[in-house]
Amino acid sequence: MSITTENTFETALVQSLKEQGGYTEGNAPDYSPELGMFKYEVIKFLQESQPKRWEKISAIHGADADNRVIQRLYKELDLRGSLDVLRNGFVEKETNTKS
């Protein structure tokens, strides 16, 4: 058996990134291929990094807040591209809250 298989390389790469690169491995079933992101990780990041803004969004949208924010983010990424959204954020128009 060869140790130069793609699977062996992938395993070594992921292990190195986790140990030395600060990488956190995502949970594959949580990945949304349609959106190209881990929705729950995005929501968790927004909740932890911007708790007051998240409270405001949650107060307006209730249980649908997660879906509304992800839909808005996806739309902004599609319209403006990842780099612009990362640099400048996006605004949830109904709440006029920049995320």
N, C-alpha and C. Protein backbone atom coordinates (compact mmCIF):
# COMPACT_ATOMS: atom_id res chain seq x y z
N MET A 1 0.83 -1.18 0.00
CA MET A 1 0.00 0.00 0.00
C MET A 1 0.88 1.25 0.00
N SER A 2 0.60 2.16 -0.86
CA SER A 2 1.38 3.37 -1.01
C SER A 2 0.94 4.42 0.00
N ILE A 3 1.90 5.15 0.54
CA ILE A 3 1.55 6.24 1.45
C ILE A 3 1.41 7.56 0.69
N THR A 4 1.49 7.49 -0.62
CA THR A 4 1.38 8.70 -1.43
C THR A 4 0.02 8.79 -2.12
N THR A 5 -1.00 8.34 -1.43
CA THR A 5 -2.34 8.43 -2.00
C THR A 5 -2.93 9.80 -1.68
N GLU A 6 -3.96 10.17 -2.40
CA GLU A 6 -4.62 11.45 -2.16
C GLU A 6 -5.21 11.49 -0.75
N ASN A 7 -5.78 10.38 -0.30
CA ASN A 7 -6.38 10.32 1.03
C ASN A 7 -5.32 10.52 2.11
N THR A 8 -4.16 9.91 1.95
CA THR A 8 -3.07 10.06 2.92
C THR A 8 -2.60 11.51 2.96
N PHE A 9 -2.46 12.11 1.79
CA PHE A 9 -2.04 13.51 1.71
C PHE A 9 -3.07 14.42 2.38
N GLU A 10 -4.34 14.18 2.09
CA GLU A 10 -5.41 15.00 2.67
C GLU A 10 -5.41 14.89 4.19
N THR A 11 -5.28 13.68 4.69
CA THR A 11 -5.26 13.46 6.14
C THR A 11 -4.08 14.18 6.79
N ALA A 12 -2.91 14.08 6.17
CA ALA A 12 -1.72 14.75 6.70
C ALA A 12 -1.88 16.27 6.66
N LEU A 13 -2.45 16.77 5.60
CA LEU A 13 -2.65 18.21 5.45
C LEU A 13 -3.62 18.73 6.52
N VAL A 14 -4.74 18.06 6.70
CA VAL A 14 -5.72 18.48 7.70
C VAL A 14 -5.11 18.41 9.10
N GLN A 15 -4.38 17.35 9.39
CA GLN A 15 -3.75 17.20 10.69
C GLN A 15 -2.76 18.34 10.95
N SER A 16 -1.96 18.68 9.95
CA SER A 16 -0.99 19.76 10.08
C SER A 16 -1.69 21.09 10.30
N LEU A 17 -2.76 21.35 9.55
CA LEU A 17 -3.49 22.60 9.71
C LEU A 17 -4.12 22.71 11.10
N LYS A 18 -4.64 21.61 11.62
CA LYS A 18 -5.26 21.62 12.95
C LYS A 18 -4.21 21.83 14.04
N GLU A 19 -3.05 21.20 13.88
CA GLU A 19 -2.03 21.27 14.92
C GLU A 19 -1.21 22.55 14.86
N GLN A 20 -0.95 23.07 13.66
CA GLN A 20 -0.03 24.19 13.54
C GLN A 20 -0.63 25.43 12.89
N GLY A 21 -1.79 25.30 12.30
CA GLY A 21 -2.33 26.42 11.55
C GLY A 21 -3.56 27.07 12.16
N GLY A 22 -3.98 26.62 13.33
CA GLY A 22 -5.16 27.20 13.95
C GLY A 22 -6.46 26.83 13.26
N TYR A 23 -6.43 25.78 12.47
CA TYR A 23 -7.59 25.34 11.70
C TYR A 23 -8.52 24.53 12.57
N THR A 24 -9.80 24.75 12.44
CA THR A 24 -10.81 23.94 13.11
C THR A 24 -11.58 23.20 12.03
N GLU A 25 -11.60 21.91 12.14
CA GLU A 25 -12.28 21.09 11.14
C GLU A 25 -13.79 21.19 11.31
N GLY A 26 -14.47 21.47 10.21
CA GLY A 26 -15.92 21.58 10.25
C GLY A 26 -16.59 20.23 10.27
N ASN A 27 -17.86 20.22 10.62
CA ASN A 27 -18.66 19.02 10.63
C ASN A 27 -19.30 18.87 9.24
N ALA A 28 -18.86 17.89 8.48
CA ALA A 28 -19.29 17.74 7.09
C ALA A 28 -20.81 17.79 6.89
N PRO A 29 -21.62 17.14 7.73
CA PRO A 29 -23.07 17.22 7.51
C PRO A 29 -23.66 18.63 7.66
N ASP A 30 -22.94 19.52 8.36
CA ASP A 30 -23.41 20.89 8.54
C ASP A 30 -23.10 21.79 7.34
N TYR A 31 -22.28 21.30 6.42
CA TYR A 31 -21.91 22.11 5.26
C TYR A 31 -23.06 22.17 4.26
N SER A 32 -23.35 23.37 3.78
CA SER A 32 -24.41 23.57 2.80
C SER A 32 -23.77 23.79 1.43
N PRO A 33 -23.77 22.77 0.57
CA PRO A 33 -23.16 22.95 -0.75
C PRO A 33 -23.89 23.99 -1.60
N GLU A 34 -25.18 24.16 -1.37
CA GLU A 34 -25.94 25.15 -2.13
C GLU A 34 -25.44 26.57 -1.83
N LEU A 35 -25.11 26.81 -0.57
CA LEU A 35 -24.65 28.13 -0.15
C LEU A 35 -23.14 28.25 -0.13
N GLY A 36 -22.46 27.11 -0.09
CA GLY A 36 -21.00 27.13 -0.04
C GLY A 36 -20.46 27.57 1.31
N MET A 37 -21.16 27.23 2.38
CA MET A 37 -20.72 27.65 3.70
C MET A 37 -21.29 26.73 4.79
N PHE A 38 -20.67 26.82 5.94
CA PHE A 38 -21.18 26.17 7.14
C PHE A 38 -22.10 27.19 7.81
N LYS A 39 -23.39 27.08 7.57
CA LYS A 39 -24.35 28.08 8.06
C LYS A 39 -24.25 28.26 9.57
N TYR A 40 -24.15 27.17 10.31
CA TYR A 40 -24.15 27.26 11.77
C TYR A 40 -22.89 27.95 12.28
N GLU A 41 -21.78 27.78 11.59
CA GLU A 41 -20.55 28.46 11.98
C GLU A 41 -20.67 29.97 11.74
N VAL A 42 -21.29 30.35 10.64
CA VAL A 42 -21.49 31.77 10.33
C VAL A 42 -22.39 32.40 11.40
N ILE A 43 -23.49 31.75 11.72
CA ILE A 43 -24.42 32.26 12.73
C ILE A 43 -23.72 32.36 14.08
N LYS A 44 -22.98 31.33 14.45
CA LYS A 44 -22.26 31.33 15.73
C LYS A 44 -21.26 32.49 15.78
N PHE A 45 -20.54 32.70 14.69
CA PHE A 45 -19.58 33.81 14.63
C PHE A 45 -20.28 35.15 14.82
N LEU A 46 -21.37 35.36 14.11
CA LEU A 46 -22.09 36.63 14.22
C LEU A 46 -22.65 36.83 15.62
N GLN A 47 -23.20 35.78 16.21
CA GLN A 47 -23.75 35.88 17.56
C GLN A 47 -22.68 36.23 18.58
N GLU A 48 -21.50 35.61 18.44
CA GLU A 48 -20.43 35.84 19.41
C GLU A 48 -19.70 37.16 19.18
N SER A 49 -19.55 37.56 17.93
CA SER A 49 -18.78 38.77 17.64
C SER A 49 -19.62 40.04 17.70
N GLN A 50 -20.94 39.91 17.55
CA GLN A 50 -21.81 41.08 17.52
C GLN A 50 -23.10 40.82 18.30
N PRO A 51 -22.99 40.54 19.60
CA PRO A 51 -24.17 40.13 20.37
C PRO A 51 -25.31 41.15 20.39
N LYS A 52 -24.99 42.43 20.48
CA LYS A 52 -26.05 43.44 20.53
C LYS A 52 -26.80 43.51 19.19
N ARG A 53 -26.06 43.47 18.11
CA ARG A 53 -26.71 43.49 16.79
C ARG A 53 -27.52 42.22 16.57
N TRP A 54 -27.00 41.10 17.05
CA TRP A 54 -27.74 39.85 16.90
C TRP A 54 -29.04 39.89 17.70
N GLU A 55 -29.00 40.44 18.89
CA GLU A 55 -30.22 40.58 19.70
C GLU A 55 -31.27 41.40 18.96
N LYS A 56 -30.84 42.48 18.33
CA LYS A 56 -31.76 43.34 17.59
C LYS A 56 -32.39 42.59 16.42
N ILE A 57 -31.58 41.86 15.68
CA ILE A 57 -32.08 41.08 14.55
C ILE A 57 -33.04 40.00 15.04
N SER A 58 -32.68 39.33 16.13
CA SER A 58 -33.53 38.27 16.69
C SER A 58 -34.85 38.83 17.19
N ALA A 59 -34.83 40.02 17.77
CA ALA A 59 -36.06 40.63 18.26
C ALA A 59 -37.02 40.93 17.11
N ILE A 60 -36.47 41.29 15.98
CA ILE A 60 -37.31 41.62 14.82
C ILE A 60 -37.80 40.36 14.09
N HIS A 61 -36.89 39.41 13.87
CA HIS A 61 -37.22 38.25 13.05
C HIS A 61 -37.55 36.98 13.82
N GLY A 62 -37.33 36.98 15.11
CA GLY A 62 -37.65 35.83 15.94
C GLY A 62 -36.91 34.57 15.52
N ALA A 63 -37.64 33.47 15.45
CA ALA A 63 -37.05 32.17 15.12
C ALA A 63 -36.50 32.11 13.71
N ASP A 64 -36.91 33.04 12.86
CA ASP A 64 -36.45 33.05 11.47
C ASP A 64 -35.17 33.87 11.27
N ALA A 65 -34.60 34.39 12.35
CA ALA A 65 -33.42 35.26 12.26
C ALA A 65 -32.26 34.58 11.55
N ASP A 66 -31.98 33.33 11.91
CA ASP A 66 -30.87 32.61 11.27
C ASP A 66 -31.04 32.57 9.77
N ASN A 67 -32.21 32.14 9.32
CA ASN A 67 -32.45 32.02 7.88
C ASN A 67 -32.39 33.37 7.17
N ARG A 68 -32.95 34.40 7.80
CA ARG A 68 -32.96 35.73 7.18
C ARG A 68 -31.54 36.25 6.99
N VAL A 69 -30.70 36.08 7.99
CA VAL A 69 -29.32 36.57 7.91
C VAL A 69 -28.54 35.78 6.87
N ILE A 70 -28.69 34.47 6.86
CA ILE A 70 -27.97 33.64 5.88
C ILE A 70 -28.43 33.99 4.46
N GLN A 71 -29.72 34.17 4.25
CA GLN A 71 -30.21 34.56 2.92
C GLN A 71 -29.64 35.90 2.50
N ARG A 72 -29.62 36.85 3.42
CA ARG A 72 -29.08 38.17 3.10
C ARG A 72 -27.59 38.10 2.80
N LEU A 73 -26.86 37.35 3.60
CA LEU A 73 -25.42 37.17 3.37
C LEU A 73 -25.17 36.54 2.02
N TYR A 74 -25.91 35.50 1.71
CA TYR A 74 -25.74 34.82 0.42
C TYR A 74 -26.01 35.79 -0.73
N LYS A 75 -27.04 36.59 -0.61
CA LYS A 75 -27.37 37.56 -1.66
C LYS A 75 -26.24 38.58 -1.84
N GLU A 76 -25.72 39.09 -0.73
CA GLU A 76 -24.64 40.06 -0.79
C GLU A 76 -23.36 39.45 -1.38
N LEU A 77 -23.06 38.21 -0.99
CA LEU A 77 -21.89 37.53 -1.55
C LEU A 77 -22.04 37.36 -3.05
N ASP A 78 -23.23 37.03 -3.48
CA ASP A 78 -23.51 36.84 -4.91
C ASP A 78 -23.39 38.16 -5.67
N LEU A 79 -23.91 39.24 -5.10
CA LEU A 79 -23.90 40.54 -5.77
C LEU A 79 -22.53 41.22 -5.75
N ARG A 80 -21.87 41.18 -4.59
CA ARG A 80 -20.66 41.98 -4.39
C ARG A 80 -19.37 41.19 -4.33
N GLY A 81 -19.48 39.89 -4.09
CA GLY A 81 -18.28 39.06 -3.97
C GLY A 81 -17.81 38.97 -2.53
N SER A 82 -17.07 37.91 -2.27
CA SER A 82 -16.62 37.61 -0.90
C SER A 82 -15.72 38.69 -0.32
N LEU A 83 -14.77 39.15 -1.10
CA LEU A 83 -13.79 40.10 -0.58
C LEU A 83 -14.46 41.40 -0.13
N ASP A 84 -15.38 41.92 -0.94
CA ASP A 84 -16.06 43.16 -0.58
C ASP A 84 -16.91 42.97 0.68
N VAL A 85 -17.60 41.85 0.77
CA VAL A 85 -18.43 41.60 1.96
C VAL A 85 -17.55 41.45 3.20
N LEU A 86 -16.42 40.75 3.07
CA LEU A 86 -15.52 40.61 4.21
C LEU A 86 -14.94 41.95 4.64
N ARG A 87 -14.59 42.78 3.68
CA ARG A 87 -13.99 44.08 4.01
C ARG A 87 -15.01 45.08 4.55
N ASN A 88 -16.22 45.07 3.99
CA ASN A 88 -17.19 46.13 4.29
C ASN A 88 -18.44 45.66 5.01
N GLY A 89 -18.59 44.37 5.23
CA GLY A 89 -19.77 43.86 5.90
C GLY A 89 -21.00 43.95 5.02
N PHE A 90 -22.14 43.70 5.61
CA PHE A 90 -23.40 43.81 4.89
C PHE A 90 -24.46 44.31 5.86
N VAL A 91 -25.51 44.86 5.31
CA VAL A 91 -26.55 45.46 6.13
C VAL A 91 -27.83 44.65 5.97
N GLU A 92 -28.41 44.28 7.08
CA GLU A 92 -29.72 43.65 7.09
C GLU A 92 -30.69 44.80 6.95
N LYS A 93 -31.19 45.04 5.73
CA LYS A 93 -31.92 46.26 5.39
C LYS A 93 -33.11 46.55 6.27
N GLU A 94 -33.85 45.52 6.64
CA GLU A 94 -35.06 45.77 7.45
C GLU A 94 -34.72 46.26 8.85
N THR A 95 -33.53 45.91 9.33
CA THR A 95 -33.14 46.35 10.65
C THR A 95 -32.11 47.46 10.58
N ASN A 96 -31.57 47.67 9.36
CA ASN A 96 -30.53 48.65 9.12
C ASN A 96 -29.35 48.40 10.04
N THR A 97 -29.03 47.13 10.23
CA THR A 97 -27.94 46.72 11.11
C THR A 97 -26.81 46.17 10.28
N LYS A 98 -25.63 46.76 10.40
CA LYS A 98 -24.47 46.28 9.66
C LYS A 98 -23.88 45.09 10.38
N SER A 99 -23.61 44.01 9.62
CA SER A 99 -23.02 42.81 10.21
C SER A 99 -21.62 42.61 9.69
